[in-house]
PDB file of N, CA and C in Angstrom:
ATOM      1  N   MET A   1      91.584  59.789  19.379  1.00  0.00           N
ATOM      2  CA  MET A   1      92.361  59.224  20.445  1.00  0.00           C
ATOM      3  C   MET A   1      92.061  57.732  20.520  1.00  0.00           C
ATOM      4  N   ASN A   2      93.083  56.926  20.517  1.00  0.00           N
ATOM      5  CA  ASN A   2      92.865  55.482  20.557  1.00  0.00           C
ATOM      6  C   ASN A   2      93.018  54.950  21.980  1.00  0.00           C
ATOM      7  N   LEU A   3      92.816  53.669  22.135  1.00  0.00           N
ATOM      8  CA  LEU A   3      92.842  53.015  23.439  1.00  0.00           C
ATOM      9  C   LEU A   3      94.215  53.104  24.095  1.00  0.00           C
ATOM     10  N   ASN A   4      95.263  53.040  23.293  1.00  0.00           N
ATOM     11  CA  ASN A   4      96.622  53.119  23.808  1.00  0.00           C
ATOM     12  C   ASN A   4      96.893  54.497  24.410  1.00  0.00           C
ATOM     13  N   ASP A   5      96.399  55.555  23.741  1.00  0.00           N
ATOM     14  CA  ASP A   5      96.574  56.914  24.247  1.00  0.00           C
ATOM     15  C   ASP A   5      95.838  57.099  25.571  1.00  0.00           C
ATOM     16  N   LEU A   6      94.632  56.545  25.671  1.00  0.00           N
ATOM     17  CA  LEU A   6      93.855  56.646  26.908  1.00  0.00           C
ATOM     18  C   LEU A   6      94.542  55.909  28.047  1.00  0.00           C
ATOM     19  N   SER A   7      95.158  54.788  27.745  1.00  0.00           N
ATOM     20  CA  SER A   7      95.874  54.008  28.755  1.00  0.00           C
ATOM     21  C   SER A   7      97.073  54.795  29.270  1.00  0.00           C
ATOM     22  N   THR A   8      97.817  55.404  28.365  1.00  0.00           N
ATOM     23  CA  THR A   8      98.976  56.210  28.748  1.00  0.00           C
ATOM     24  C   THR A   8      98.540  57.418  29.572  1.00  0.00           C
ATOM     25  N   LEU A   9      97.460  58.070  29.157  1.00  0.00           N
ATOM     26  CA  LEU A   9      96.927  59.214  29.893  1.00  0.00           C
ATOM     27  C   LEU A   9      96.483  58.794  31.292  1.00  0.00           C
ATOM     28  N   GLY A  10      95.840  57.652  31.394  1.00  0.00           N
ATOM     29  CA  GLY A  10      95.403  57.129  32.692  1.00  0.00           C
ATOM     30  C   GLY A  10      96.586  56.851  33.597  1.00  0.00           C
ATOM     31  N   GLN A  11      97.647  56.285  33.024  1.00  0.00           N
ATOM     32  CA  GLN A  11      98.851  56.001  33.810  1.00  0.00           C
ATOM     33  C   GLN A  11      99.501  57.293  34.305  1.00  0.00           C
ATOM     34  N   LEU A  12      99.518  58.300  33.440  1.00  0.00           N
ATOM     35  CA  LEU A  12     100.086  59.594  33.838  1.00  0.00           C
ATOM     36  C   LEU A  12      99.277  60.225  34.974  1.00  0.00           C
ATOM     37  N   VAL A  13      97.961  60.154  34.867  1.00  0.00           N
ATOM     38  CA  VAL A  13      97.100  60.706  35.909  1.00  0.00           C
ATOM     39  C   VAL A  13      97.323  59.969  37.223  1.00  0.00           C
ATOM     40  N   ILE A  14      97.373  58.649  37.167  1.00  0.00           N
ATOM     41  CA  ILE A  14      97.590  57.846  38.378  1.00  0.00           C
ATOM     42  C   ILE A  14      98.961  58.137  38.978  1.00  0.00           C
ATOM     43  N   THR A  15      99.983  58.229  38.138  1.00  0.00           N
ATOM     44  CA  THR A  15     101.329  58.553  38.622  1.00  0.00           C
ATOM     45  C   THR A  15     101.339  59.936  39.270  1.00  0.00           C
ATOM     46  N   GLY A  16     100.715  60.895  38.631  1.00  0.00           N
ATOM     47  CA  GLY A  16     100.645  62.254  39.185  1.00  0.00           C
ATOM     48  C   GLY A  16      99.933  62.278  40.525  1.00  0.00           C
ATOM     49  N   LEU A  17      98.812  61.563  40.611  1.00  0.00           N
ATOM     50  CA  LEU A  17      98.079  61.504  41.882  1.00  0.00           C
ATOM     51  C   LEU A  17      98.898  60.825  42.967  1.00  0.00           C
ATOM     52  N   SER A  18      99.630  59.745  42.595  1.00  0.00           N
ATOM     53  CA  SER A  18     100.460  59.076  43.600  1.00  0.00           C
ATOM     54  C   SER A  18     101.562  59.995  44.107  1.00  0.00           C
ATOM     55  N   ILE A  19     102.139  60.781  43.232  1.00  0.00           N
ATOM     56  CA  ILE A  19     103.175  61.733  43.657  1.00  0.00           C
ATOM     57  C   ILE A  19     102.569  62.771  44.603  1.00  0.00           C
ATOM     58  N   ILE A  20     101.419  63.293  44.259  1.00  0.00           N
ATOM     59  CA  ILE A  20     100.755  64.293  45.105  1.00  0.00           C
ATOM     60  C   ILE A  20     100.423  63.696  46.470  1.00  0.00           C
ATOM     61  N   VAL A  21      99.903  62.485  46.489  1.00  0.00           N
ATOM     62  CA  VAL A  21      99.566  61.826  47.762  1.00  0.00           C
ATOM     63  C   VAL A  21     100.832  61.587  48.573  1.00  0.00           C
ATOM     64  N   SER A  22     101.902  61.142  47.935  1.00  0.00           N
ATOM     65  CA  SER A  22     103.171  60.901  48.636  1.00  0.00           C
ATOM     66  C   SER A  22     103.702  62.186  49.262  1.00  0.00           C
ATOM     67  N   ILE A  23     103.675  63.269  48.499  1.00  0.00           N
ATOM     68  CA  ILE A  23     104.139  64.564  49.015  1.00  0.00           C
ATOM     69  C   ILE A  23     103.278  65.003  50.194  1.00  0.00           C
ATOM     70  N   ALA A  24     101.975  64.836  50.066  1.00  0.00           N
ATOM     71  CA  ALA A  24     101.059  65.221  51.148  1.00  0.00           C
ATOM     72  C   ALA A  24     101.337  64.408  52.406  1.00  0.00           C
ATOM     73  N   LEU A  25     101.555  63.095  52.255  1.00  0.00           N
ATOM     74  CA  LEU A  25     101.840  62.254  53.420  1.00  0.00           C
ATOM     75  C   LEU A  25     103.143  62.651  54.093  1.00  0.00           C
ATOM     76  N   VAL A  26     104.162  62.932  53.310  1.00  0.00           N
ATOM     77  CA  VAL A  26     105.441  63.367  53.865  1.00  0.00           C
ATOM     78  C   VAL A  26     105.260  64.711  54.572  1.00  0.00           C
ATOM     79  N   TYR A  27     104.556  65.630  53.936  1.00  0.00           N
ATOM     80  CA  TYR A  27     104.322  66.951  54.529  1.00  0.00           C
ATOM     81  C   TYR A  27     103.566  66.843  55.847  1.00  0.00           C
ATOM     82  N   PHE A  28     102.463  66.095  55.847  1.00  0.00           N
ATOM     83  CA  PHE A  28     101.670  65.989  57.066  1.00  0.00           C
ATOM     84  C   PHE A  28     102.407  65.207  58.145  1.00  0.00           C
ATOM     85  N   GLY A  29     103.231  64.258  57.746  1.00  0.00           N
ATOM     86  CA  GLY A  29     104.074  63.557  58.725  1.00  0.00           C
ATOM     87  C   GLY A  29     105.055  64.520  59.363  1.00  0.00           C
ATOM     88  N   PHE A  30     105.640  65.390  58.547  1.00  0.00           N
ATOM     89  CA  PHE A  30     106.569  66.404  59.055  1.00  0.00           C
ATOM     90  C   PHE A  30     105.843  67.370  59.984  1.00  0.00           C
ATOM     91  N   VAL A  31     104.679  67.831  59.582  1.00  0.00           N
ATOM     92  CA  VAL A  31     103.902  68.761  60.402  1.00  0.00           C
ATOM     93  C   VAL A  31     103.520  68.099  61.719  1.00  0.00           C
ATOM     94  N   ASN A  32     103.134  66.834  61.660  1.00  0.00           N
ATOM     95  CA  ASN A  32     102.761  66.105  62.870  1.00  0.00           C
ATOM     96  C   ASN A  32     103.950  65.996  63.822  1.00  0.00           C
ATOM     97  N   LYS A  33     105.128  65.656  63.283  1.00  0.00           N
ATOM     98  CA  LYS A  33     106.332  65.561  64.118  1.00  0.00           C
ATOM     99  C   LYS A  33     106.695  66.925  64.693  1.00  0.00           C
ATOM    100  N   LEU A  34     106.585  67.954  63.896  1.00  0.00           N
ATOM    101  CA  LEU A  34     106.906  69.302  64.343  1.00  0.00           C
ATOM    102  C   LEU A  34     105.948  69.746  65.441  1.00  0.00           C
ATOM    103  N   THR A  35     104.674  69.469  65.267  1.00  0.00           N
ATOM    104  CA  THR A  35     103.672  69.805  66.281  1.00  0.00           C
ATOM    105  C   THR A  35     103.964  69.067  67.577  1.00  0.00           C
ATOM    106  N   ASP A  36     104.326  67.809  67.467  1.00  0.00           N
ATOM    107  CA  ASP A  36     104.655  67.013  68.649  1.00  0.00           C
ATOM    108  C   ASP A  36     105.864  67.593  69.373  1.00  0.00           C
ATOM    109  N   ARG A  37     106.889  67.946  68.621  1.00  0.00           N
ATOM    110  CA  ARG A  37     108.100  68.521  69.236  1.00  0.00           C
ATOM    111  C   ARG A  37     107.798  69.857  69.900  1.00  0.00           C
ATOM    112  N   LEU A  38     106.997  70.697  69.246  1.00  0.00           N
ATOM    113  CA  LEU A  38     106.642  71.985  69.837  1.00  0.00           C
ATOM    114  C   LEU A  38     105.843  71.809  71.119  1.00  0.00           C
ATOM    115  N   SER A  39     104.953  70.835  71.140  1.00  0.00           N
ATOM    116  CA  SER A  39     104.175  70.555  72.346  1.00  0.00           C
ATOM    117  C   SER A  39     105.080  70.141  73.497  1.00  0.00           C
ATOM    118  N   LYS A  40     106.077  69.333  73.193  1.00  0.00           N
ATOM    119  CA  LYS A  40     107.026  68.898  74.227  1.00  0.00           C
ATOM    120  C   LYS A  40     107.837  70.080  74.752  1.00  0.00           C
ATOM    121  N   VAL A  41     108.295  70.935  73.859  1.00  0.00           N
ATOM    122  CA  VAL A  41     109.056  72.121  74.287  1.00  0.00           C
ATOM    123  C   VAL A  41     108.185  73.023  75.153  1.00  0.00           C
ATOM    124  N   GLU A  42     106.947  73.214  74.742  1.00  0.00           N
ATOM    125  CA  GLU A  42     106.024  74.043  75.511  1.00  0.00           C
ATOM    126  C   GLU A  42     105.788  73.459  76.905  1.00  0.00           C
ATOM    127  N   ALA A  43     105.606  72.159  76.994  1.00  0.00           N
ATOM    128  CA  ALA A  43     105.378  71.508  78.288  1.00  0.00           C
ATOM    129  C   ALA A  43     106.605  71.637  79.183  1.00  0.00           C
ATOM    130  N   ARG A  44     107.769  71.454  78.607  1.00  0.00           N
ATOM    131  CA  ARG A  44     109.014  71.575  79.402  1.00  0.00           C
ATOM    132  C   ARG A  44     109.231  73.004  79.857  1.00  0.00           C
ATOM    133  N   THR A  45     108.943  73.957  79.000  1.00  0.00           N
ATOM    134  CA  THR A  45     109.102  75.367  79.368  1.00  0.00           C
ATOM    135  C   THR A  45     108.147  75.732  80.496  1.00  0.00           C
ATOM    136  N   GLU A  46     106.921  75.275  80.396  1.00  0.00           N
ATOM    137  CA  GLU A  46     105.941  75.553  81.445  1.00  0.00           C
ATOM    138  C   GLU A  46     106.374  74.921  82.760  1.00  0.00           C
ATOM    139  N   LEU A  47     106.885  73.715  82.709  1.00  0.00           N
ATOM    140  CA  LEU A  47     107.382  73.051  83.908  1.00  0.00           C
ATOM    141  C   LEU A  47     108.543  73.838  84.513  1.00  0.00           C
ATOM    142  N   PHE A  48     109.430  74.339  83.679  1.00  0.00           N
ATOM    143  CA  PHE A  48     110.553  75.163  84.132  1.00  0.00           C
ATOM    144  C   PHE A  48     110.043  76.342  84.945  1.00  0.00           C
ATOM    145  N   TRP A  49     109.038  77.054  84.411  1.00  0.00           N
ATOM    146  CA  TRP A  49     108.519  78.224  85.111  1.00  0.00           C
ATOM    147  C   TRP A  49     107.751  77.851  86.375  1.00  0.00           C
ATOM    148  N   VAL A  50     107.021  76.746  86.345  1.00  0.00           N
ATOM    149  CA  VAL A  50     106.269  76.305  87.527  1.00  0.00           C
ATOM    150  C   VAL A  50     107.229  76.025  88.677  1.00  0.00           C
ATOM    151  N   VAL A  51     108.376  75.452  88.377  1.00  0.00           N
ATOM    152  CA  VAL A  51     109.360  75.151  89.408  1.00  0.00           C
ATOM    153  C   VAL A  51     110.097  76.413  89.842  1.00  0.00           C
ATOM    154  N   LEU A  52     110.441  77.272  88.906  1.00  0.00           N
ATOM    155  CA  LEU A  52     111.287  78.429  89.204  1.00  0.00           C
ATOM    156  C   LEU A  52     110.545  79.616  89.820  1.00  0.00           C
ATOM    157  N   GLU A  53     109.335  79.886  89.364  1.00  0.00           N
ATOM    158  CA  GLU A  53     108.617  81.089  89.821  1.00  0.00           C
ATOM    159  C   GLU A  53     108.518  81.228  91.341  1.00  0.00           C
ATOM    160  N   PRO A  54     108.142  80.195  92.094  1.00  0.00           N
ATOM    161  CA  PRO A  54     108.032  80.371  93.545  1.00  0.00           C
ATOM    162  C   PRO A  54     109.366  80.749  94.199  1.00  0.00           C
ATOM    163  N   HIS A  55     110.452  80.194  93.681  1.00  0.00           N
ATOM    164  CA  HIS A  55     111.767  80.517  94.238  1.00  0.00           C
ATOM    165  C   HIS A  55     112.144  81.967  93.934  1.00  0.00           C
ATOM    166  N   LEU A  56     111.843  82.398  92.730  1.00  0.00           N
ATOM    167  CA  LEU A  56     112.119  83.792  92.364  1.00  0.00           C
ATOM    168  C   LEU A  56     111.269  84.737  93.194  1.00  0.00           C
ATOM    169  N   ALA A  57     110.016  84.354  93.439  1.00  0.00           N
ATOM    170  CA  ALA A  57     109.132  85.180  94.266  1.00  0.00           C
ATOM    171  C   ALA A  57     109.715  85.325  95.663  1.00  0.00           C
ATOM    172  N   GLY A  58     110.265  84.256  96.213  1.00  0.00           N
ATOM    173  CA  GLY A  58     110.886  84.314  97.540  1.00  0.00           C
ATOM    174  C   GLY A  58     112.112  85.200  97.564  1.00  0.00           C
ATOM    175  N   ILE A  59     112.902  85.157  96.506  1.00  0.00           N
ATOM    176  CA  ILE A  59     114.124  85.971  96.441  1.00  0.00           C
ATOM    177  C   ILE A  59     113.780  87.458  96.336  1.00  0.00           C
ATOM    178  N   ILE A  60     112.786  87.790  95.520  1.00  0.00           N
ATOM    179  CA  ILE A  60     112.475  89.192  95.251  1.00  0.00           C
ATOM    180  C   ILE A  60     111.588  89.812  96.326  1.00  0.00           C
ATOM    181  N   HIS A  61     110.995  88.977  97.172  1.00  0.00           N
ATOM    182  CA  HIS A  61     110.084  89.469  98.216  1.00  0.00           C
ATOM    183  C   HIS A  61     110.768  90.531  99.079  1.00  0.00           C
ATOM    184  N   SER A  62     110.009  91.585  99.370  1.00  0.00           N
ATOM    185  CA  SER A  62     110.540  92.681 100.187  1.00  0.00           C
ATOM    186  C   SER A  62     109.412  93.302 100.996  1.00  0.00           C
ATOM    187  N   PRO A  63     109.623  93.563 102.287  1.00  0.00           N
ATOM    188  CA  PRO A  63     108.566  94.162 103.109  1.00  0.00           C
ATOM    189  C   PRO A  63     108.215  95.590 102.682  1.00  0.00           C
ATOM    190  N   THR A  64     109.068  96.207 101.881  1.00  0.00           N
ATOM    191  CA  THR A  64     108.812  97.586 101.457  1.00  0.00           C
ATOM    192  C   THR A  64     108.148  97.681 100.082  1.00  0.00           C
ATOM    193  N   HIS A  65     107.894  96.563  99.448  1.00  0.00           N
ATOM    194  CA  HIS A  65     107.288  96.566  98.107  1.00  0.00           C
ATOM    195  C   HIS A  65     106.076  95.636  98.063  1.00  0.00           C
ATOM    196  N   ALA A  66     105.060  95.975  98.819  1.00  0.00           N
ATOM    197  CA  ALA A  66     103.867  95.123  98.946  1.00  0.00           C
ATOM    198  C   ALA A  66     103.155  94.919  97.613  1.00  0.00           C
ATOM    199  N   THR A  67     103.043  95.959  96.814  1.00  0.00           N
ATOM    200  CA  THR A  67     102.345  95.849  95.526  1.00  0.00           C
ATOM    201  C   THR A  67     103.061  94.864  94.609  1.00  0.00           C
ATOM    202  N   ARG A  68     104.364  95.018  94.507  1.00  0.00           N
ATOM    203  CA  ARG A  68     105.147  94.124  93.656  1.00  0.00           C
ATOM    204  C   ARG A  68     105.032  92.684  94.155  1.00  0.00           C
ATOM    205  N   ASP A  69     105.133  92.503  95.487  1.00  0.00           N
ATOM    206  CA  ASP A  69     105.037  91.157  96.062  1.00  0.00           C
ATOM    207  C   ASP A  69     103.682  90.525  95.759  1.00  0.00           C
ATOM    208  N   GLU A  70     102.623  91.325  95.862  1.00  0.00           N
ATOM    209  CA  GLU A  70     101.270  90.826  95.579  1.00  0.00           C
ATOM    210  C   GLU A  70     101.149  90.405  94.112  1.00  0.00           C
ATOM    211  N   LEU A  71     101.698  91.203  93.216  1.00  0.00           N
ATOM    212  CA  LEU A  71     101.630  90.876  91.786  1.00  0.00           C
ATOM    213  C   LEU A  71     102.451  89.630  91.457  1.00  0.00           C
ATOM    214  N   VAL A  72     103.610  89.494  92.091  1.00  0.00           N
ATOM    215  CA  VAL A  72     104.437  88.307  91.852  1.00  0.00           C
ATOM    216  C   VAL A  72     103.714  87.061  92.367  1.00  0.00           C
ATOM    217  N   GLU A  73     103.063  87.172  93.515  1.00  0.00           N
ATOM    218  CA  GLU A  73     102.300  86.039  94.049  1.00  0.00           C
ATOM    219  C   GLU A  73     101.165  85.649  93.098  1.00  0.00           C
ATOM    220  N   LYS A  74     100.503  86.642  92.528  1.00  0.00           N
ATOM    221  CA  LYS A  74      99.434  86.356  91.560  1.00  0.00           C
ATOM    222  C   LYS A  74     100.006  85.700  90.307  1.00  0.00           C
ATOM    223  N   LEU A  75     101.200  86.128  89.922  1.00  0.00           N
ATOM    224  CA  LEU A  75     101.872  85.506  88.774  1.00  0.00           C
ATOM    225  C   LEU A  75     102.127  84.029  89.055  1.00  0.00           C
ATOM    226  N   VAL A  76     102.639  83.744  90.237  1.00  0.00           N
ATOM    227  CA  VAL A  76     102.944  82.365  90.617  1.00  0.00           C
ATOM    228  C   VAL A  76     101.668  81.524  90.694  1.00  0.00           C
ATOM    229  N   LYS A  77     100.593  82.112  91.213  1.00  0.00           N
ATOM    230  CA  LYS A  77      99.328  81.379  91.374  1.00  0.00           C
ATOM    231  C   LYS A  77      98.502  81.347  90.087  1.00  0.00           C
ATOM    232  N   LYS A  78      98.985  82.013  89.052  1.00  0.00           N
ATOM    233  CA  LYS A  78      98.293  82.060  87.744  1.00  0.00           C
ATOM    234  C   LYS A  78      96.940  82.773  87.831  1.00  0.00           C
ATOM    235  N   THR A  79      96.845  83.770  88.724  1.00  0.00           N
ATOM    236  CA  THR A  79      95.604  84.539  88.857  1.00  0.00           C
ATOM    237  C   THR A  79      95.794  85.995  88.444  1.00  0.00           C
ATOM    238  N   ILE A  80      96.907  86.293  87.839  1.00  0.00           N
ATOM    239  CA  ILE A  80      97.235  87.673  87.466  1.00  0.00           C
ATOM    240  C   ILE A  80      96.445  88.090  86.220  1.00  0.00           C
ATOM    241  N   THR A  81      95.921  89.314  86.255  1.00  0.00           N
ATOM    242  CA  THR A  81      95.167  89.831  85.116  1.00  0.00           C
ATOM    243  C   THR A  81      96.118  90.486  84.115  1.00  0.00           C
ATOM    244  N   ASN A  82      95.608  90.799  82.951  1.00  0.00           N
ATOM    245  CA  ASN A  82      96.432  91.457  81.934  1.00  0.00           C
ATOM    246  C   ASN A  82      96.934  92.816  82.407  1.00  0.00           C
ATOM    247  N   ASP A  83      96.074  93.603  83.047  1.00  0.00           N
ATOM    248  CA  ASP A  83      96.501  94.913  83.552  1.00  0.00           C
ATOM    249  C   ASP A  83      97.579  94.756  84.619  1.00  0.00           C
ATOM    250  N   GLU A  84      97.430  93.749  85.463  1.00  0.00           N
ATOM    251  CA  GLU A  84      98.430  93.506  86.502  1.00  0.00           C
ATOM    252  C   GLU A  84      99.754  93.048  85.900  1.00  0.00           C
ATOM    253  N   ILE A  85      99.686  92.301  84.806  1.00  0.00           N
ATOM    254  CA  ILE A  85     100.915  91.882  84.116  1.00  0.00           C
ATOM    255  C   ILE A  85     101.669  93.114  83.626  1.00  0.00           C
ATOM    256  N   LEU A  86     100.944  94.072  83.073  1.00  0.00           N
ATOM    257  CA  LEU A  86     101.593  95.303  82.608  1.00  0.00           C
ATOM    258  C   LEU A  86     102.199  96.085  83.770  1.00  0.00           C
ATOM    259  N   ASP A  87     101.487  96.120  84.905  1.00  0.00           N
ATOM    260  CA  ASP A  87     102.031  96.803  86.092  1.00  0.00           C
ATOM    261  C   ASP A  87     103.295  96.102  86.581  1.00  0.00           C
ATOM    262  N   LEU A  88     103.255  94.783  86.653  1.00  0.00           N
ATOM    263  CA  LEU A  88     104.424  94.020  87.096  1.00  0.00           C
ATOM    264  C   LEU A  88     105.576  94.185  86.111  1.00  0.00           C
ATOM    265  N   ASN A  89     105.274  94.242  84.844  1.00  0.00           N
ATOM    266  CA  ASN A  89     106.288  94.479  83.823  1.00  0.00           C
ATOM    267  C   ASN A  89     107.027  95.790  84.116  1.00  0.00           C
ATOM    268  N   GLN A  90     106.270  96.828  84.430  1.00  0.00           N
ATOM    269  CA  GLN A  90     106.868  98.135  84.723  1.00  0.00           C
ATOM    270  C   GLN A  90     107.742  98.072  85.982  1.00  0.00           C
ATOM    271  N   LEU A  91     107.235  97.452  87.038  1.00  0.00           N
ATOM    272  CA  LEU A  91     107.984  97.369  88.296  1.00  0.00           C
ATOM    273  C   LEU A  91     109.277  96.563  88.139  1.00  0.00           C
ATOM    274  N   LEU A  92     109.214  95.468  87.417  1.00  0.00           N
ATOM    275  CA  LEU A  92     110.405  94.644  87.217  1.00  0.00           C
ATOM    276  C   LEU A  92     111.400  95.314  86.272  1.00  0.00           C
ATOM    277  N   THR A  93     110.884  96.026  85.295  1.00  0.00           N
ATOM    278  CA  THR A  93     111.765  96.770  84.379  1.00  0.00           C
ATOM    279  C   THR A  93     112.555  97.819  85.141  1.00  0.00           C
ATOM    280  N   GLU A  94     111.890  98.506  86.073  1.00  0.00           N
ATOM    281  CA  GLU A  94     112.585  99.513  86.881  1.00  0.00           C
ATOM    282  C   GLU A  94     113.726  98.891  87.678  1.00  0.00           C
ATOM    283  N   ILE A  95     113.495  97.718  88.253  1.00  0.00           N
ATOM    284  CA  ILE A  95     114.551  97.048  89.025  1.00  0.00           C
ATOM    285  C   ILE A  95     115.736  96.715  88.127  1.00  0.00           C
ATOM    286  N   THR A  96     115.452  96.167  86.946  1.00  0.00           N
ATOM    287  CA  THR A  96     116.548  95.743  86.075  1.00  0.00           C
ATOM    288  C   THR A  96     117.280  96.927  85.444  1.00  0.00           C
ATOM    289  N   GLN A  97     116.606  98.064  85.324  1.00  0.00           N
ATOM    290  CA  GLN A  97     117.264  99.227  84.734  1.00  0.00           C
ATOM    291  C   GLN A  97     118.147  99.972  85.724  1.00  0.00           C
ATOM    292  N   LYS A  98     117.747  99.988  86.994  1.00  0.00           N
ATOM    293  CA  LYS A  98     118.540 100.757  87.956  1.00  0.00           C
ATOM    294  C   LYS A  98     119.157  99.896  89.051  1.00  0.00           C
ATOM    295  N   GLY A  99     118.919  98.608  88.975  1.00  0.00           N
ATOM    296  CA  GLY A  99     119.427  97.724  90.017  1.00  0.00           C
ATOM    297  C   GLY A  99     120.877  97.355  89.807  1.00  0.00           C
ATOM    298  N   LYS A 100     121.460  96.869  90.888  1.00  0.00           N
ATOM    299  CA  LYS A 100     122.827  96.365  90.788  1.00  0.00           C
ATOM    300  C   LYS A 100     122.749  94.842  90.687  1.00  0.00           C
ATOM    301  N   PRO A 101     123.675  94.233  89.991  1.00  0.00           N
ATOM    302  CA  PRO A 101     123.632  92.776  89.825  1.00  0.00           C
ATOM    303  C   PRO A 101     123.780  92.042  91.167  1.00  0.00           C
ATOM    304  N   ASP A 102     122.666  91.605  91.715  1.00  0.00           N
ATOM    305  CA  ASP A 102     122.632  90.798  92.929  1.00  0.00           C
ATOM    306  C   ASP A 102     121.492  89.799  92.783  1.00  0.00           C
ATOM    307  N   ASP A 103     121.157  89.122  93.858  1.00  0.00           N
ATOM    308  CA  ASP A 103     120.103  88.103  93.780  1.00  0.00           C
ATOM    309  C   ASP A 103     118.755  88.688  93.371  1.00  0.00           C
ATOM    310  N   LYS A 104     118.387  89.844  93.933  1.00  0.00           N
ATOM    311  CA  LYS A 104     117.097  90.466  93.593  1.00  0.00           C
ATOM    312  C   LYS A 104     117.086  90.898  92.125  1.00  0.00           C
ATOM    313  N   TYR A 105     118.198  91.415  91.651  1.00  0.00           N
ATOM    314  CA  TYR A 105     118.305  91.831  90.255  1.00  0.00           C
ATOM    315  C   TYR A 105     118.110  90.624  89.333  1.00  0.00           C
ATOM    316  N   LEU A 106     118.782  89.520  89.650  1.00  0.00           N
ATOM    317  CA  LEU A 106     118.666  88.309  88.826  1.00  0.00           C
ATOM    318  C   LEU A 106     117.241  87.759  88.865  1.00  0.00           C
ATOM    319  N   ALA A 107     116.630  87.736  90.049  1.00  0.00           N
ATOM    320  CA  ALA A 107     115.247  87.258  90.174  1.00  0.00           C
ATOM    321  C   ALA A 107     114.307  88.150  89.368  1.00  0.00           C
ATOM    322  N   ALA A 108     114.522  89.473  89.465  1.00  0.00           N
ATOM    323  CA  ALA A 108     113.685  90.414  88.713  1.00  0.00           C
ATOM    324  C   ALA A 108     113.853  90.203  87.211  1.00  0.00           C
ATOM    325  N   ALA A 109     115.083  89.979  86.761  1.00  0.00           N
ATOM    326  CA  ALA A 109     115.342  89.777  85.333  1.00  0.00           C
ATOM    327  C   ALA A 109     114.661  88.501  84.829  1.00  0.00           C
ATOM    328  N   LEU A 110     114.725  87.436  85.615  1.00  0.00           N
ATOM    329  CA  LEU A 110     114.077  86.186  85.204  1.00  0.00           C
ATOM    330  C   LEU A 110     112.554  86.317  85.228  1.00  0.00           C
ATOM    331  N   LEU A 111     112.015  86.961  86.257  1.00  0.00           N
ATOM    332  CA  LEU A 111     110.567  87.176  86.311  1.00  0.00           C
ATOM    333  C   LEU A 111     110.120  88.097  85.178  1.00  0.00           C
ATOM    334  N   LEU A 112     110.944  89.070  84.845  1.00  0.00           N
ATOM    335  CA  LEU A 112     110.623  89.965  83.734  1.00  0.00           C
ATOM    336  C   LEU A 112     110.544  89.177  82.424  1.00  0.00           C
ATOM    337  N   ALA A 113     111.440  88.221  82.249  1.00  0.00           N
ATOM    338  CA  ALA A 113     111.380  87.374  81.047  1.00  0.00           C
ATOM    339  C   ALA A 113     110.054  86.614  81.006  1.00  0.00           C
ATOM    340  N   ARG A 114     109.628  86.096  82.157  1.00  0.00           N
ATOM    341  CA  ARG A 114     108.354  85.376  82.225  1.00  0.00           C
ATOM    342  C   ARG A 114     107.183  86.294  81.906  1.00  0.00           C
ATOM    343  N   VAL A 115     107.221  87.509  82.446  1.00  0.00           N
ATOM    344  CA  VAL A 115     106.155  88.485  82.198  1.00  0.00           C
ATOM    345  C   VAL A 115     106.111  88.854  80.715  1.00  0.00           C
ATOM    346  N   LYS A 116     107.270  89.049  80.107  1.00  0.00           N
ATOM    347  CA  LYS A 116     107.319  89.381  78.672  1.00  0.00           C
ATOM    348  C   LYS A 116     106.732  88.235  77.836  1.00  0.00           C
ATOM    349  N   ILE A 117     106.991  86.998  78.234  1.00  0.00           N
ATOM    350  CA  ILE A 117     106.413  85.844  77.535  1.00  0.00           C
ATOM    351  C   ILE A 117     104.890  85.889  77.631  1.00  0.00           C
ATOM    352  N   LEU A 118     104.374  86.178  78.832  1.00  0.00           N
ATOM    353  CA  LEU A 118     102.925  86.255  79.017  1.00  0.00           C
ATOM    354  C   LEU A 118     102.315  87.386  78.192  1.00  0.00           C
ATOM    355  N   ILE A 119     103.016  88.507  78.114  1.00  0.00           N
ATOM    356  CA  ILE A 119     102.522  89.630  77.299  1.00  0.00           C
ATOM    357  C   ILE A 119     102.394  89.194  75.839  1.00  0.00           C
ATOM    358  N   LEU A 120     103.383  88.457  75.353  1.00  0.00           N
ATOM    359  CA  LEU A 120     103.319  87.958  73.969  1.00  0.00           C
ATOM    360  C   LEU A 120     102.240  86.896  73.801  1.00  0.00           C
ATOM    361  N   GLU A 121     102.180  85.934  74.732  1.00  0.00           N
ATOM    362  CA  GLU A 121     101.196  84.859  74.626  1.00  0.00           C
ATOM    363  C   GLU A 121      99.763  85.377  74.671  1.00  0.00           C
ATOM    364  N   ARG A 122      99.531  86.343  75.532  1.00  0.00           N
ATOM    365  CA  ARG A 122      98.177  86.878  75.690  1.00  0.00           C
ATOM    366  C   ARG A 122      97.896  88.048  74.748  1.00  0.00           C
ATOM    367  N   ALA A 123      98.895  88.452  73.990  1.00  0.00           N
ATOM    368  CA  ALA A 123      98.773  89.590  73.057  1.00  0.00           C
ATOM    369  C   ALA A 123      98.241  90.822  73.801  1.00  0.00           C
ATOM    370  N   ILE A 124      98.877  91.133  74.919  1.00  0.00           N
ATOM    371  CA  ILE A 124      98.453  92.256  75.758  1.00  0.00           C
ATOM    372  C   ILE A 124      99.009  93.542  75.154  1.00  0.00           C
ATOM    373  N   VAL A 125      98.134  94.516  75.019  1.00  0.00           N
ATOM    374  CA  VAL A 125      98.538  95.818  74.510  1.00  0.00           C
ATOM    375  C   VAL A 125      98.185  96.853  75.564  1.00  0.00           C
ATOM    376  N   LYS A 126      99.114  97.756  75.785  1.00  0.00           N
ATOM    377  CA  LYS A 126      98.865  98.816  76.751  1.00  0.00           C
ATOM    378  C   LYS A 126      98.016  99.905  76.094  1.00  0.00           C
ATOM    379  N   VAL A 127      96.888 100.203  76.702  1.00  0.00           N
ATOM    380  CA  VAL A 127      95.987 101.231  76.180  1.00  0.00           C
ATOM    381  C   VAL A 127      96.145 102.466  77.048  1.00  0.00           C
ATOM    382  N   GLU A 128      96.464 103.570  76.425  1.00  0.00           N
ATOM    383  CA  GLU A 128      96.669 104.835  77.169  1.00  0.00           C
ATOM    384  C   GLU A 128      95.366 105.575  77.279  1.00  0.00           C
TER     385      GLU A 128
END
């Protein structure tokens, strides 16, 4: 192997490394932008629920359903346990399955969506 061959090999190695570095920078730039966008969506979604939950709790409140009201209040205050989330899931599911489309039905459906999100986020599994 002569000096010219080594020079060409060196240039190929440098070119290859530059391509790899360029691809890595583009990839990590994309990942960084994607992470930033996801963080913004998450923050906006959380803000949506922080604003909406108390209003839904007021709509669904009923003097004849103390347990459900207590669980919804814990949901709003962010003090609800995993077992309580499963209980609230069951109570809200019952309303949406047999309820008629009115304000309480809509509030229950929206709160049920929030509860389902929490079940997924916390990876809650019902143990029999």
